[in-house]
PDB file of N, CA and C in Angstrom:
ATOM      1  N   UNK A   1      56.548 -33.857  26.047  1.00  0.00           N
ATOM      2  CA  UNK A   1      55.506 -33.352  25.174  1.00  0.00           C
ATOM      3  C   UNK A   1      54.305 -34.287  25.286  1.00  0.00           C
ATOM      4  N   UNK A   2      53.114 -33.669  25.394  1.00  0.00           N
ATOM      5  CA  UNK A   2      51.889 -34.443  25.518  1.00  0.00           C
ATOM      6  C   UNK A   2      50.798 -33.821  24.649  1.00  0.00           C
ATOM      7  N   UNK A   3      49.950 -34.672  24.114  1.00  0.00           N
ATOM      8  CA  UNK A   3      48.806 -34.218  23.334  1.00  0.00           C
ATOM      9  C   UNK A   3      47.609 -34.105  24.276  1.00  0.00           C
ATOM     10  N   UNK A   4      46.917 -32.970  24.200  1.00  0.00           N
ATOM     11  CA  UNK A   4      45.726 -32.723  25.012  1.00  0.00           C
ATOM     12  C   UNK A   4      44.544 -32.674  24.068  1.00  0.00           C
ATOM     13  N   UNK A   5      43.555 -33.510  24.314  1.00  0.00           N
ATOM     14  CA  UNK A   5      42.341 -33.505  23.512  1.00  0.00           C
ATOM     15  C   UNK A   5      41.213 -32.939  24.359  1.00  0.00           C
ATOM     16  N   UNK A   6      40.583 -31.864  23.869  1.00  0.00           N
ATOM     17  CA  UNK A   6      39.473 -31.235  24.575  1.00  0.00           C
ATOM     18  C   UNK A   6      38.165 -31.918  24.196  1.00  0.00           C
ATOM     19  N   UNK A   7      37.134 -31.720  25.010  1.00  0.00           N
ATOM     20  CA  UNK A   7      35.829 -32.346  24.773  1.00  0.00           C
ATOM     21  C   UNK A   7      35.268 -32.000  23.392  1.00  0.00           C
ATOM     22  N   UNK A   8      35.598 -30.824  22.877  1.00  0.00           N
ATOM     23  CA  UNK A   8      35.111 -30.391  21.563  1.00  0.00           C
ATOM     24  C   UNK A   8      35.878 -31.054  20.420  1.00  0.00           C
ATOM     25  N   UNK A   9      36.921 -31.823  20.751  1.00  0.00           N
ATOM     26  CA  UNK A   9      37.721 -32.492  19.739  1.00  0.00           C
ATOM     27  C   UNK A   9      38.998 -31.757  19.383  1.00  0.00           C
ATOM     28  N   UNK A  10      39.133 -30.500  19.806  1.00  0.00           N
ATOM     29  CA  UNK A  10      40.338 -29.727  19.535  1.00  0.00           C
ATOM     30  C   UNK A  10      41.533 -30.385  20.229  1.00  0.00           C
ATOM     31  N   UNK A  11      42.676 -30.419  19.545  1.00  0.00           N
ATOM     32  CA  UNK A  11      43.881 -30.992  20.134  1.00  0.00           C
ATOM     33  C   UNK A  11      44.939 -29.918  20.303  1.00  0.00           C
ATOM     34  N   UNK A  12      45.622 -29.969  21.441  1.00  0.00           N
ATOM     35  CA  UNK A  12      46.691 -29.042  21.777  1.00  0.00           C
ATOM     36  C   UNK A  12      47.933 -29.854  22.105  1.00  0.00           C
ATOM     37  N   UNK A  13      49.074 -29.212  22.031  1.00  0.00           N
ATOM     38  CA  UNK A  13      50.322 -29.846  22.447  1.00  0.00           C
ATOM     39  C   UNK A  13      50.857 -29.092  23.659  1.00  0.00           C
ATOM     40  N   UNK A  14      51.163 -29.847  24.706  1.00  0.00           N
ATOM     41  CA  UNK A  14      51.784 -29.284  25.910  1.00  0.00           C
ATOM     42  C   UNK A  14      53.239 -29.722  25.876  1.00  0.00           C
ATOM     43  N   UNK A  15      54.169 -28.767  25.830  1.00  0.00           N
ATOM     44  CA  UNK A  15      55.559 -29.098  25.563  1.00  0.00           C
ATOM     45  C   UNK A  15      56.467 -29.178  26.777  1.00  0.00           C
ATOM     46  N   UNK A  16      56.112 -28.548  27.877  1.00  0.00           N
ATOM     47  CA  UNK A  16      57.038 -28.416  28.999  1.00  0.00           C
ATOM     48  C   UNK A  16      56.468 -29.092  30.236  1.00  0.00           C
ATOM     49  N   UNK A  17      57.197 -30.053  30.793  1.00  0.00           N
ATOM     50  CA  UNK A  17      56.671 -30.771  31.962  1.00  0.00           C
ATOM     51  C   UNK A  17      56.883 -30.029  33.272  1.00  0.00           C
ATOM     52  N   UNK A  18      57.333 -28.773  33.207  1.00  0.00           N
ATOM     53  CA  UNK A  18      57.454 -27.933  34.391  1.00  0.00           C
ATOM     54  C   UNK A  18      56.513 -26.727  34.331  1.00  0.00           C
ATOM     55  N   UNK A  19      55.763 -26.598  33.253  1.00  0.00           N
ATOM     56  CA  UNK A  19      54.823 -25.493  33.077  1.00  0.00           C
ATOM     57  C   UNK A  19      53.413 -26.030  33.257  1.00  0.00           C
ATOM     58  N   UNK A  20      52.608 -25.413  34.122  1.00  0.00           N
ATOM     59  CA  UNK A  20      51.259 -25.916  34.367  1.00  0.00           C
ATOM     60  C   UNK A  20      50.426 -26.034  33.081  1.00  0.00           C
ATOM     61  N   UNK A  21      49.595 -27.027  33.058  1.00  0.00           N
ATOM     62  CA  UNK A  21      48.684 -27.297  31.948  1.00  0.00           C
ATOM     63  C   UNK A  21      47.859 -26.070  31.580  1.00  0.00           C
ATOM     64  N   UNK A  22      47.501 -25.268  32.565  1.00  0.00           N
ATOM     65  CA  UNK A  22      46.685 -24.080  32.332  1.00  0.00           C
ATOM     66  C   UNK A  22      47.320 -23.156  31.297  1.00  0.00           C
ATOM     67  N   UNK A  23      48.638 -23.056  31.273  1.00  0.00           N
ATOM     68  CA  UNK A  23      49.318 -22.188  30.296  1.00  0.00           C
ATOM     69  C   UNK A  23      49.002 -22.614  28.865  1.00  0.00           C
ATOM     70  N   UNK A  24      49.037 -23.904  28.591  1.00  0.00           N
ATOM     71  CA  UNK A  24      48.706 -24.387  27.246  1.00  0.00           C
ATOM     72  C   UNK A  24      47.251 -24.106  26.917  1.00  0.00           C
ATOM     73  N   UNK A  25      46.379 -24.282  27.886  1.00  0.00           N
ATOM     74  CA  UNK A  25      44.956 -24.011  27.657  1.00  0.00           C
ATOM     75  C   UNK A  25      44.724 -22.529  27.395  1.00  0.00           C
ATOM     76  N   UNK A  26      45.422 -21.657  28.111  1.00  0.00           N
ATOM     77  CA  UNK A  26      45.270 -20.208  27.921  1.00  0.00           C
ATOM     78  C   UNK A  26      45.720 -19.773  26.532  1.00  0.00           C
ATOM     79  N   UNK A  27      46.745 -20.379  26.006  1.00  0.00           N
ATOM     80  CA  UNK A  27      47.230 -20.029  24.664  1.00  0.00           C
ATOM     81  C   UNK A  27      46.201 -20.353  23.589  1.00  0.00           C
ATOM     82  N   UNK A  28      45.198 -21.134  23.950  1.00  0.00           N
ATOM     83  CA  UNK A  28      44.144 -21.503  23.003  1.00  0.00           C
ATOM     84  C   UNK A  28      42.776 -20.974  23.437  1.00  0.00           C
ATOM     85  N   UNK A  29      42.775 -19.893  24.226  1.00  0.00           N
ATOM     86  CA  UNK A  29      41.537 -19.196  24.548  1.00  0.00           C
ATOM     87  C   UNK A  29      40.831 -19.612  25.821  1.00  0.00           C
ATOM     88  N   UNK A  30      41.366 -20.557  26.565  1.00  0.00           N
ATOM     89  CA  UNK A  30      40.764 -20.960  27.836  1.00  0.00           C
ATOM     90  C   UNK A  30      41.468 -20.184  28.935  1.00  0.00           C
ATOM     91  N   UNK A  31      40.705 -19.666  29.889  1.00  0.00           N
ATOM     92  CA  UNK A  31      41.302 -18.754  30.863  1.00  0.00           C
ATOM     93  C   UNK A  31      40.810 -19.027  32.274  1.00  0.00           C
ATOM     94  N   UNK A  32      41.679 -18.838  33.233  1.00  0.00           N
ATOM     95  CA  UNK A  32      41.343 -18.875  34.649  1.00  0.00           C
ATOM     96  C   UNK A  32      42.311 -17.964  35.383  1.00  0.00           C
ATOM     97  N   UNK A  33      41.832 -17.306  36.418  1.00  0.00           N
ATOM     98  CA  UNK A  33      42.694 -16.424  37.205  1.00  0.00           C
ATOM     99  C   UNK A  33      43.527 -17.197  38.231  1.00  0.00           C
ATOM    100  N   UNK A  34      43.136 -18.386  38.510  1.00  0.00           N
ATOM    101  CA  UNK A  34      43.793 -19.178  39.551  1.00  0.00           C
ATOM    102  C   UNK A  34      45.210 -19.571  39.128  1.00  0.00           C
ATOM    103  N   UNK A  35      46.100 -19.547  40.073  1.00  0.00           N
ATOM    104  CA  UNK A  35      47.482 -19.940  39.798  1.00  0.00           C
ATOM    105  C   UNK A  35      48.077 -20.783  40.923  1.00  0.00           C
ATOM    106  N   UNK A  36      47.311 -21.018  41.964  1.00  0.00           N
ATOM    107  CA  UNK A  36      47.909 -21.649  43.141  1.00  0.00           C
ATOM    108  C   UNK A  36      47.290 -22.975  43.546  1.00  0.00           C
ATOM    109  N   UNK A  37      46.234 -23.412  42.893  1.00  0.00           N
ATOM    110  CA  UNK A  37      45.584 -24.655  43.299  1.00  0.00           C
ATOM    111  C   UNK A  37      44.706 -24.489  44.512  1.00  0.00           C
ATOM    112  N   UNK A  38      44.424 -23.255  44.878  1.00  0.00           N
ATOM    113  CA  UNK A  38      43.662 -22.980  46.096  1.00  0.00           C
ATOM    114  C   UNK A  38      42.173 -22.772  45.839  1.00  0.00           C
ATOM    115  N   UNK A  39      41.824 -21.991  44.827  1.00  0.00           N
ATOM    116  CA  UNK A  39      40.420 -21.592  44.666  1.00  0.00           C
ATOM    117  C   UNK A  39      39.565 -22.623  43.934  1.00  0.00           C
ATOM    118  N   UNK A  40      40.154 -23.407  43.075  1.00  0.00           N
ATOM    119  CA  UNK A  40      39.392 -24.416  42.346  1.00  0.00           C
ATOM    120  C   UNK A  40      38.642 -23.889  41.140  1.00  0.00           C
ATOM    121  N   UNK A  41      38.864 -22.637  40.766  1.00  0.00           N
ATOM    122  CA  UNK A  41      38.143 -22.044  39.635  1.00  0.00           C
ATOM    123  C   UNK A  41      38.429 -22.754  38.318  1.00  0.00           C
ATOM    124  N   UNK A  42      39.568 -23.381  38.198  1.00  0.00           N
ATOM    125  CA  UNK A  42      39.924 -24.024  36.928  1.00  0.00           C
ATOM    126  C   UNK A  42      39.672 -25.533  36.934  1.00  0.00           C
ATOM    127  N   UNK A  43      38.902 -26.042  37.880  1.00  0.00           N
ATOM    128  CA  UNK A  43      38.622 -27.481  37.919  1.00  0.00           C
ATOM    129  C   UNK A  43      38.158 -27.964  36.553  1.00  0.00           C
ATOM    130  N   UNK A  44      38.722 -29.073  36.148  1.00  0.00           N
ATOM    131  CA  UNK A  44      38.417 -29.664  34.859  1.00  0.00           C
ATOM    132  C   UNK A  44      38.297 -31.168  35.048  1.00  0.00           C
ATOM    133  N   UNK A  45      37.444 -31.792  34.272  1.00  0.00           N
ATOM    134  CA  UNK A  45      37.311 -33.237  34.345  1.00  0.00           C
ATOM    135  C   UNK A  45      38.301 -33.901  33.398  1.00  0.00           C
ATOM    136  N   UNK A  46      39.016 -34.870  33.912  1.00  0.00           N
ATOM    137  CA  UNK A  46      39.982 -35.634  33.137  1.00  0.00           C
ATOM    138  C   UNK A  46      39.281 -36.896  32.648  1.00  0.00           C
ATOM    139  N   UNK A  47      39.114 -37.018  31.331  1.00  0.00           N
ATOM    140  CA  UNK A  47      38.423 -38.173  30.752  1.00  0.00           C
ATOM    141  C   UNK A  47      39.368 -39.356  30.554  1.00  0.00           C
ATOM    142  N   UNK A  48      40.611 -39.074  30.143  1.00  0.00           N
ATOM    143  CA  UNK A  48      41.599 -40.138  29.911  1.00  0.00           C
ATOM    144  C   UNK A  48      42.987 -39.623  30.236  1.00  0.00           C
ATOM    145  N   UNK A  49      43.829 -40.521  30.689  1.00  0.00           N
ATOM    146  CA  UNK A  49      45.210 -40.184  30.955  1.00  0.00           C
ATOM    147  C   UNK A  49      45.459 -39.835  32.404  1.00  0.00           C
ATOM    148  N   UNK A  50      46.666 -39.345  32.655  1.00  0.00           N
ATOM    149  CA  UNK A  50      47.092 -39.005  34.012  1.00  0.00           C
ATOM    150  C   UNK A  50      47.784 -37.653  34.006  1.00  0.00           C
ATOM    151  N   UNK A  51      47.762 -37.001  35.158  1.00  0.00           N
ATOM    152  CA  UNK A  51      48.504 -35.758  35.350  1.00  0.00           C
ATOM    153  C   UNK A  51      49.417 -35.911  36.556  1.00  0.00           C
ATOM    154  N   UNK A  52      50.404 -35.040  36.614  1.00  0.00           N
ATOM    155  CA  UNK A  52      51.329 -34.987  37.744  1.00  0.00           C
ATOM    156  C   UNK A  52      51.257 -33.576  38.295  1.00  0.00           C
ATOM    157  N   UNK A  53      51.117 -33.451  39.605  1.00  0.00           N
ATOM    158  CA  UNK A  53      51.014 -32.131  40.230  1.00  0.00           C
ATOM    159  C   UNK A  53      52.385 -31.561  40.540  1.00  0.00           C
ATOM    160  N   UNK A  54      52.580 -30.291  40.153  1.00  0.00           N
ATOM    161  CA  UNK A  54      53.815 -29.569  40.467  1.00  0.00           C
ATOM    162  C   UNK A  54      53.793 -29.086  41.907  1.00  0.00           C
ATOM    163  N   UNK A  55      52.606 -28.727  42.396  1.00  0.00           N
ATOM    164  CA  UNK A  55      52.378 -28.374  43.795  1.00  0.00           C
ATOM    165  C   UNK A  55      51.100 -29.071  44.237  1.00  0.00           C
ATOM    166  N   UNK A  56      50.982 -29.338  45.494  1.00  0.00           N
ATOM    167  CA  UNK A  56      49.807 -30.028  46.016  1.00  0.00           C
ATOM    168  C   UNK A  56      48.589 -29.120  45.914  1.00  0.00           C
ATOM    169  N   UNK A  57      47.512 -29.590  45.251  1.00  0.00           N
ATOM    170  CA  UNK A  57      46.311 -28.762  45.157  1.00  0.00           C
ATOM    171  C   UNK A  57      45.639 -28.640  46.522  1.00  0.00           C
ATOM    172  N   UNK A  58      45.145 -27.445  46.810  1.00  0.00           N
ATOM    173  CA  UNK A  58      44.476 -27.206  48.075  1.00  0.00           C
ATOM    174  C   UNK A  58      42.961 -27.244  47.924  1.00  0.00           C
ATOM    175  N   UNK A  59      42.451 -27.048  46.719  1.00  0.00           N
ATOM    176  CA  UNK A  59      41.009 -27.081  46.471  1.00  0.00           C
ATOM    177  C   UNK A  59      40.514 -28.528  46.536  1.00  0.00           C
ATOM    178  N   UNK A  60      39.279 -28.683  46.941  1.00  0.00           N
ATOM    179  CA  UNK A  60      38.673 -30.003  46.988  1.00  0.00           C
ATOM    180  C   UNK A  60      38.423 -30.491  45.565  1.00  0.00           C
ATOM    181  N   UNK A  61      38.819 -31.725  45.282  1.00  0.00           N
ATOM    182  CA  UNK A  61      38.605 -32.325  43.976  1.00  0.00           C
ATOM    183  C   UNK A  61      37.829 -33.617  44.114  1.00  0.00           C
ATOM    184  N   UNK A  62      36.837 -33.790  43.274  1.00  0.00           N
ATOM    185  CA  UNK A  62      36.118 -35.058  43.191  1.00  0.00           C
ATOM    186  C   UNK A  62      36.938 -36.002  42.322  1.00  0.00           C
ATOM    187  N   UNK A  63      36.699 -37.305  42.426  1.00  0.00           N
ATOM    188  CA  UNK A  63      37.407 -38.237  41.552  1.00  0.00           C
ATOM    189  C   UNK A  63      37.214 -37.850  40.079  1.00  0.00           C
ATOM    190  N   UNK A  64      38.307 -37.845  39.348  1.00  0.00           N
ATOM    191  CA  UNK A  64      38.252 -37.501  37.937  1.00  0.00           C
ATOM    192  C   UNK A  64      38.463 -36.024  37.642  1.00  0.00           C
ATOM    193  N   UNK A  65      38.541 -35.178  38.672  1.00  0.00           N
ATOM    194  CA  UNK A  65      38.778 -33.748  38.469  1.00  0.00           C
ATOM    195  C   UNK A  65      40.264 -33.439  38.639  1.00  0.00           C
ATOM    196  N   UNK A  66      40.732 -32.440  37.895  1.00  0.00           N
ATOM    197  CA  UNK A  66      42.113 -31.966  38.023  1.00  0.00           C
ATOM    198  C   UNK A  66      42.109 -30.446  38.100  1.00  0.00           C
ATOM    199  N   UNK A  67      43.229 -29.895  38.532  1.00  0.00           N
ATOM    200  CA  UNK A  67      43.432 -28.447  38.555  1.00  0.00           C
ATOM    201  C   UNK A  67      44.557 -28.109  37.576  1.00  0.00           C
ATOM    202  N   UNK A  68      44.226 -27.634  36.368  1.00  0.00           N
ATOM    203  CA  UNK A  68      45.246 -27.320  35.374  1.00  0.00           C
ATOM    204  C   UNK A  68      46.253 -26.264  35.820  1.00  0.00           C
ATOM    205  N   UNK A  69      45.920 -25.460  36.815  1.00  0.00           N
ATOM    206  CA  UNK A  69      46.838 -24.397  37.254  1.00  0.00           C
ATOM    207  C   UNK A  69      48.076 -24.946  37.933  1.00  0.00           C
ATOM    208  N   UNK A  70      48.043 -26.187  38.387  1.00  0.00           N
ATOM    209  CA  UNK A  70      49.199 -26.703  39.120  1.00  0.00           C
ATOM    210  C   UNK A  70      49.562 -28.146  38.752  1.00  0.00           C
ATOM    211  N   UNK A  71      49.145 -28.592  37.559  1.00  0.00           N
ATOM    212  CA  UNK A  71      49.517 -29.938  37.125  1.00  0.00           C
ATOM    213  C   UNK A  71      50.045 -29.910  35.697  1.00  0.00           C
ATOM    214  N   UNK A  72      50.704 -30.986  35.321  1.00  0.00           N
ATOM    215  CA  UNK A  72      51.182 -31.172  33.959  1.00  0.00           C
ATOM    216  C   UNK A  72      50.705 -32.552  33.498  1.00  0.00           C
ATOM    217  N   UNK A  73      50.484 -32.703  32.187  1.00  0.00           N
ATOM    218  CA  UNK A  73      50.097 -34.031  31.680  1.00  0.00           C
ATOM    219  C   UNK A  73      51.227 -35.033  31.893  1.00  0.00           C
ATOM    220  N   UNK A  74      50.863 -36.227  32.235  1.00  0.00           N
ATOM    221  CA  UNK A  74      51.813 -37.334  32.339  1.00  0.00           C
ATOM    222  C   UNK A  74      51.529 -38.251  31.153  1.00  0.00           C
ATOM    223  N   UNK A  75      51.874 -37.775  29.962  1.00  0.00           N
ATOM    224  CA  UNK A  75      51.514 -38.453  28.718  1.00  0.00           C
ATOM    225  C   UNK A  75      50.309 -37.759  28.101  1.00  0.00           C
ATOM    226  N   UNK A  76      49.743 -38.368  27.075  1.00  0.00           N
ATOM    227  CA  UNK A  76      48.581 -37.794  26.398  1.00  0.00           C
ATOM    228  C   UNK A  76      47.366 -37.868  27.311  1.00  0.00           C
ATOM    229  N   UNK A  77      46.525 -36.815  27.273  1.00  0.00           N
ATOM    230  CA  UNK A  77      45.323 -36.772  28.100  1.00  0.00           C
ATOM    231  C   UNK A  77      44.131 -36.309  27.287  1.00  0.00           C
ATOM    232  N   UNK A  78      42.930 -36.571  27.799  1.00  0.00           N
ATOM    233  CA  UNK A  78      41.687 -36.040  27.242  1.00  0.00           C
ATOM    234  C   UNK A  78      40.931 -35.350  28.362  1.00  0.00           C
ATOM    235  N   UNK A  79      40.462 -34.138  28.085  1.00  0.00           N
ATOM    236  CA  UNK A  79      39.676 -33.383  29.054  1.00  0.00           C
ATOM    237  C   UNK A  79      38.218 -33.418  28.648  1.00  0.00           C
ATOM    238  N   UNK A  80      37.352 -33.567  29.626  1.00  0.00           N
ATOM    239  CA  UNK A  80      35.909 -33.617  29.365  1.00  0.00           C
ATOM    240  C   UNK A  80      35.308 -32.239  29.483  1.00  0.00           C
TER     241      UNK A  80
END
């Protein structure tokens, strides 16, 4: 279980370390069609913490960016 803090201050709980972060974000109104780490449509900036990838992302990521469609929080995180 990990606490996710969004840039707006909203906090979410991600409960399953085998379910992509995007699922928790979608349950709170954030949406992306991407599910494979290929298109990069769900790129998000990670302000604090670490994530672990369930599958290797194929989209290009700049330092500090993550793909919620194919990663899980590795502890509490903050998204920018």
